[in-house]
Protein backbone atom coordinates (compact mmCIF):
# COMPACT_ATOMS: atom_id res chain seq x y z
CA MET A 1 15.02 2.25 6.01
CA THR A 2 16.25 5.77 6.77
CA GLN A 3 14.16 7.52 9.37
CA THR A 4 13.76 11.30 8.94
CA VAL A 5 11.92 13.81 11.09
CA GLU A 6 9.15 13.94 8.45
CA ASN A 7 8.51 10.20 8.47
CA THR A 8 8.87 9.76 12.22
CA VAL A 9 5.96 7.54 13.21
CA LEU A 10 3.66 8.78 15.95
CA THR A 11 3.29 5.44 17.72
CA ASP A 12 0.72 6.75 20.19
CA LYS A 13 -1.84 7.48 17.42
CA VAL A 14 -3.69 4.95 15.26
CA LEU A 15 -5.38 5.96 12.01
CA SER A 16 -6.84 2.56 11.37
CA ASP A 17 -6.75 -1.00 12.69
CA SER A 18 -8.50 -3.80 10.74
CA VAL A 19 -8.45 -7.50 11.56
CA VAL A 20 -10.30 -9.85 9.22
CA THR A 21 -10.17 -13.64 9.05
CA ALA A 22 -11.01 -16.22 6.44
CA THR A 23 -10.86 -20.00 6.15
CA ILE A 24 -8.22 -21.90 4.20
CA HIS A 25 -8.81 -25.54 3.21
CA ALA A 26 -5.23 -26.81 2.95
CA PRO A 27 -2.74 -28.71 5.11
CA LEU A 28 -0.76 -26.48 7.44
CA ASP A 29 2.57 -27.92 6.31
CA ALA A 30 1.80 -26.94 2.70
CA VAL A 31 1.11 -23.31 3.54
CA ASP A 32 4.02 -20.93 3.07
CA ILE A 33 2.83 -17.33 3.36
CA GLY A 34 6.38 -15.98 2.98
CA ASP A 35 6.88 -17.81 -0.32
CA TRP A 36 3.39 -16.82 -1.49
CA LEU A 37 3.92 -13.16 -0.60
CA LEU A 38 7.34 -12.77 -2.14
CA ASN A 39 6.39 -14.62 -5.33
CA LEU A 40 2.84 -13.34 -5.77
CA PRO A 41 2.35 -12.54 -9.47
CA ASP A 42 1.19 -9.02 -10.25
CA LYS A 43 -2.09 -10.17 -11.86
CA GLU A 44 -2.86 -12.46 -8.87
CA TYR A 45 -2.36 -9.54 -6.53
CA GLN A 46 -4.75 -7.49 -8.66
CA ARG A 47 -7.36 -10.30 -8.50
CA CYS A 48 -7.20 -10.21 -4.66
CA ALA A 49 -9.00 -6.82 -4.42
CA PRO A 50 -10.35 -5.59 -7.72
CA PRO A 51 -10.35 -2.77 -8.63
CA ASP A 52 -8.25 -1.47 -5.71
CA HIS A 53 -5.06 -3.48 -6.18
CA LYS A 54 -3.03 -1.92 -9.00
CA ALA A 55 0.42 -3.52 -8.92
CA ALA A 56 2.80 -5.66 -6.85
CA GLY A 57 6.50 -6.27 -7.10
CA TYR A 58 9.36 -7.55 -5.00
CA THR A 59 12.82 -6.24 -4.25
CA THR A 60 15.14 -5.80 -1.27
CA THR A 61 16.19 -2.93 0.95
CA ASP A 62 19.73 -1.65 0.56
CA ASP A 63 20.81 -4.02 3.35
CA GLY A 64 19.18 -7.07 1.73
CA LYS A 65 15.89 -7.40 3.64
CA PRO A 66 12.99 -8.67 1.49
CA MET A 67 10.53 -6.00 0.42
CA SER A 68 7.09 -6.22 -1.14
CA ILE A 69 6.03 -3.16 -3.15
CA ASN A 70 2.25 -2.82 -3.43
CA VAL A 71 0.22 -0.11 -5.20
CA GLU A 72 -3.45 0.12 -4.26
CA MET A 73 -6.36 2.47 -3.71
CA ILE A 74 -7.56 2.83 -0.11
CA GLY A 75 -10.61 5.05 -0.15
CA THR A 76 -9.60 8.20 -2.08
CA GLY A 77 -5.86 7.67 -1.58
CA LEU A 78 -3.47 5.97 -4.01
CA VAL A 79 -1.04 4.14 -1.67
CA VAL A 80 2.45 3.04 -2.61
CA GLN A 81 3.59 0.59 0.07
CA HIS A 82 7.25 -0.37 0.68
CA TYR A 83 6.68 -3.34 2.99
CA VAL A 84 9.90 -4.48 4.64
CA GLY A 85 9.78 -8.04 5.97
CA GLU A 86 10.45 -8.03 9.72
CA ILE A 87 9.21 -11.64 10.00
CA ILE A 88 8.86 -13.86 6.93
CA SER A 89 8.04 -17.46 7.69
CA LYS A 90 5.69 -20.18 6.49
CA GLN A 91 2.82 -19.35 8.84
CA HIS A 92 3.54 -15.68 9.69
CA CYS A 93 4.71 -12.54 7.94
CA HIS A 94 5.05 -9.18 9.62
CA MET A 95 5.61 -6.37 7.10
CA VAL A 96 6.14 -2.66 7.87
CA SER A 97 6.00 0.20 5.38
CA ILE A 98 6.42 3.94 5.37
CA SER A 99 3.84 4.32 2.62
CA ASP A 100 3.41 7.19 0.19
CA VAL A 101 -0.22 8.24 -0.14
CA TYR A 102 -1.52 10.44 -2.97
CA THR A 103 -4.65 12.22 -1.76
CA PRO A 104 -6.89 14.84 -3.31
CA HIS A 105 -4.58 17.40 -1.60
CA GLY A 106 -1.25 15.86 -2.72
CA TRP A 107 1.31 13.44 -1.30
CA THR A 108 1.73 12.44 2.34
CA THR A 109 3.07 9.45 4.28
CA VAL A 110 1.76 6.97 6.82
CA GLN A 111 3.19 3.87 8.45
CA VAL A 112 1.32 0.70 7.50
CA THR A 113 1.90 -2.60 9.31
CA TRP A 114 0.61 -5.70 7.58
CA ASP A 115 0.53 -8.91 9.62
CA LEU A 116 -0.45 -12.14 7.84
CA SER A 117 -0.79 -15.40 9.72
CA VAL A 118 -2.47 -18.82 9.73
CA LYS A 119 -3.62 -20.96 12.64
CA ASP A 120 -4.48 -24.62 12.44
CA ASN A 121 -8.07 -25.26 13.55
CA GLY A 122 -7.44 -28.98 14.06
CA ASP A 123 -10.25 -29.93 11.71
CA GLY A 124 -8.46 -29.82 8.35
CA THR A 125 -8.97 -26.06 8.01
CA LEU A 126 -6.82 -23.06 8.81
CA THR A 127 -7.81 -19.58 9.87
CA TYR A 128 -6.03 -16.89 7.87
CA THR A 129 -5.75 -13.52 9.69
CA ASN A 130 -5.15 -10.33 7.76
CA HIS A 131 -4.28 -7.54 10.21
CA VAL A 132 -3.54 -4.06 8.87
CA THR A 133 -2.73 -1.07 11.05
CA SER A 134 -1.81 2.44 9.98
CA LYS A 135 -0.28 5.21 12.04
CA PRO A 136 0.47 8.80 11.08
CA THR A 137 3.93 10.16 10.49
CA ALA A 138 4.91 13.63 11.69
CA GLU A 139 4.66 14.72 8.01
CA ASN A 140 1.14 13.32 7.80
CA MET A 141 0.00 15.23 10.89
CA ALA A 142 1.44 18.51 9.47
CA PHE A 143 -0.15 17.75 6.07
CA ASN A 144 -3.60 17.23 7.60
CA GLU A 145 -3.29 20.34 9.76
CA LYS A 146 -2.37 22.38 6.67
CA TYR A 147 -5.62 21.33 5.05
CA GLY A 148 -7.81 21.69 8.14
CA ILE A 149 -8.31 17.96 8.65
CA SER A 150 -8.40 16.92 12.30
CA PHE A 151 -6.77 13.70 13.40
CA GLU A 152 -10.21 12.39 14.34
CA GLU A 153 -11.56 13.10 10.84
CA ALA A 154 -8.51 11.51 9.17
CA ALA A 155 -8.74 8.44 11.43
CA LYS A 156 -12.48 8.02 10.80
CA ALA A 157 -12.03 8.19 7.02
CA ARG A 158 -9.02 5.87 7.08
CA GLN A 159 -10.73 3.31 9.35
CA GLU A 160 -13.79 3.20 7.12
CA ALA A 161 -11.74 2.86 3.91
CA SER A 162 -9.22 0.38 5.31
CA GLY A 163 -11.88 -1.69 7.02
CA ASP A 164 -13.87 -1.98 3.80
CA HIS A 165 -10.74 -2.78 1.82
CA CYS A 166 -9.61 -5.51 4.27
CA ARG A 167 -13.07 -7.13 4.33
CA ARG A 168 -12.93 -7.48 0.55
CA GLU A 169 -9.29 -8.56 0.14
CA THR A 170 -9.02 -11.03 3.05
CA PRO A 171 -11.17 -13.88 1.60
CA LEU A 172 -9.44 -13.41 -1.78
CA PHE A 173 -5.96 -13.51 -0.18
CA ALA A 174 -7.01 -16.68 1.67
CA ALA A 175 -8.20 -18.31 -1.54
CA SER A 176 -4.91 -17.37 -3.24
CA ILE A 177 -2.84 -18.74 -0.32
CA GLU A 178 -4.96 -21.91 -0.45
CA ARG A 179 -4.29 -22.37 -4.20
CA HIS A 180 -0.57 -21.80 -3.60
CA ALA A 181 -0.54 -24.36 -0.77
CA LEU A 182 -2.45 -27.00 -2.73
CA ALA A 183 -0.10 -26.56 -5.68
CA ARG A 184 2.88 -27.03 -3.34
CA ALA A 185 1.26 -30.12 -1.75
CA LYS A 186 1.01 -31.77 -5.19
CA LYS A 187 4.78 -31.46 -5.80
C-alpha cells in the first residue's frame, strides 16, 4: 500500500475502538477464520449485518498480500474498506485498511484495523472477538476542519456508529464462522 501525505495515519488519535465478543459452538481445530474471511460469499457477508453490509470481495495487493474488500454503512458514512491481511491464520486475522468514506460532505479516508480471533474456553465453546479500531488520516483531519467538525465531535459520532455496528455484526459473524467450522468438521 502506497503511503501518501494525505493518507498518513495519525497514530496518536483514535476515532473509535469497539471490542465485542460472541460464543461459537464448534471445535477449535475446525475453525479457520482466515479461510472463512477470504472465502466469505457476498450474500453471507450481507447477512452478517443487514442492512449495513453491502458487498464483499477478495483480491490481492500488487505485491500479492491477501485483501478483503468490504462495502458497508457505518452511521451516515458509506465505507469502502481495503483490508490487507497482516496476519491470516486459523484462529487470528489482523486486517488493516486505508478506507474510503463517503459522508454527507463528500469523500474522506480513515484507517480501520479489524482484528478477528477465537479463544478456546475449555468447555466445548470458543469466544470470538471482533475488535475494530479507526484512526484519522491527515486528509480526514483537514476534511473535518474544512467543515467545522472538531476531532471530538467526529470521534463521538464514529464511536457511537461503530460501536452499534459491531454489536450487531459480531454475533452474526460468530454464527457464520461456526457454520463454516461445522461444515469443515464434517469433511
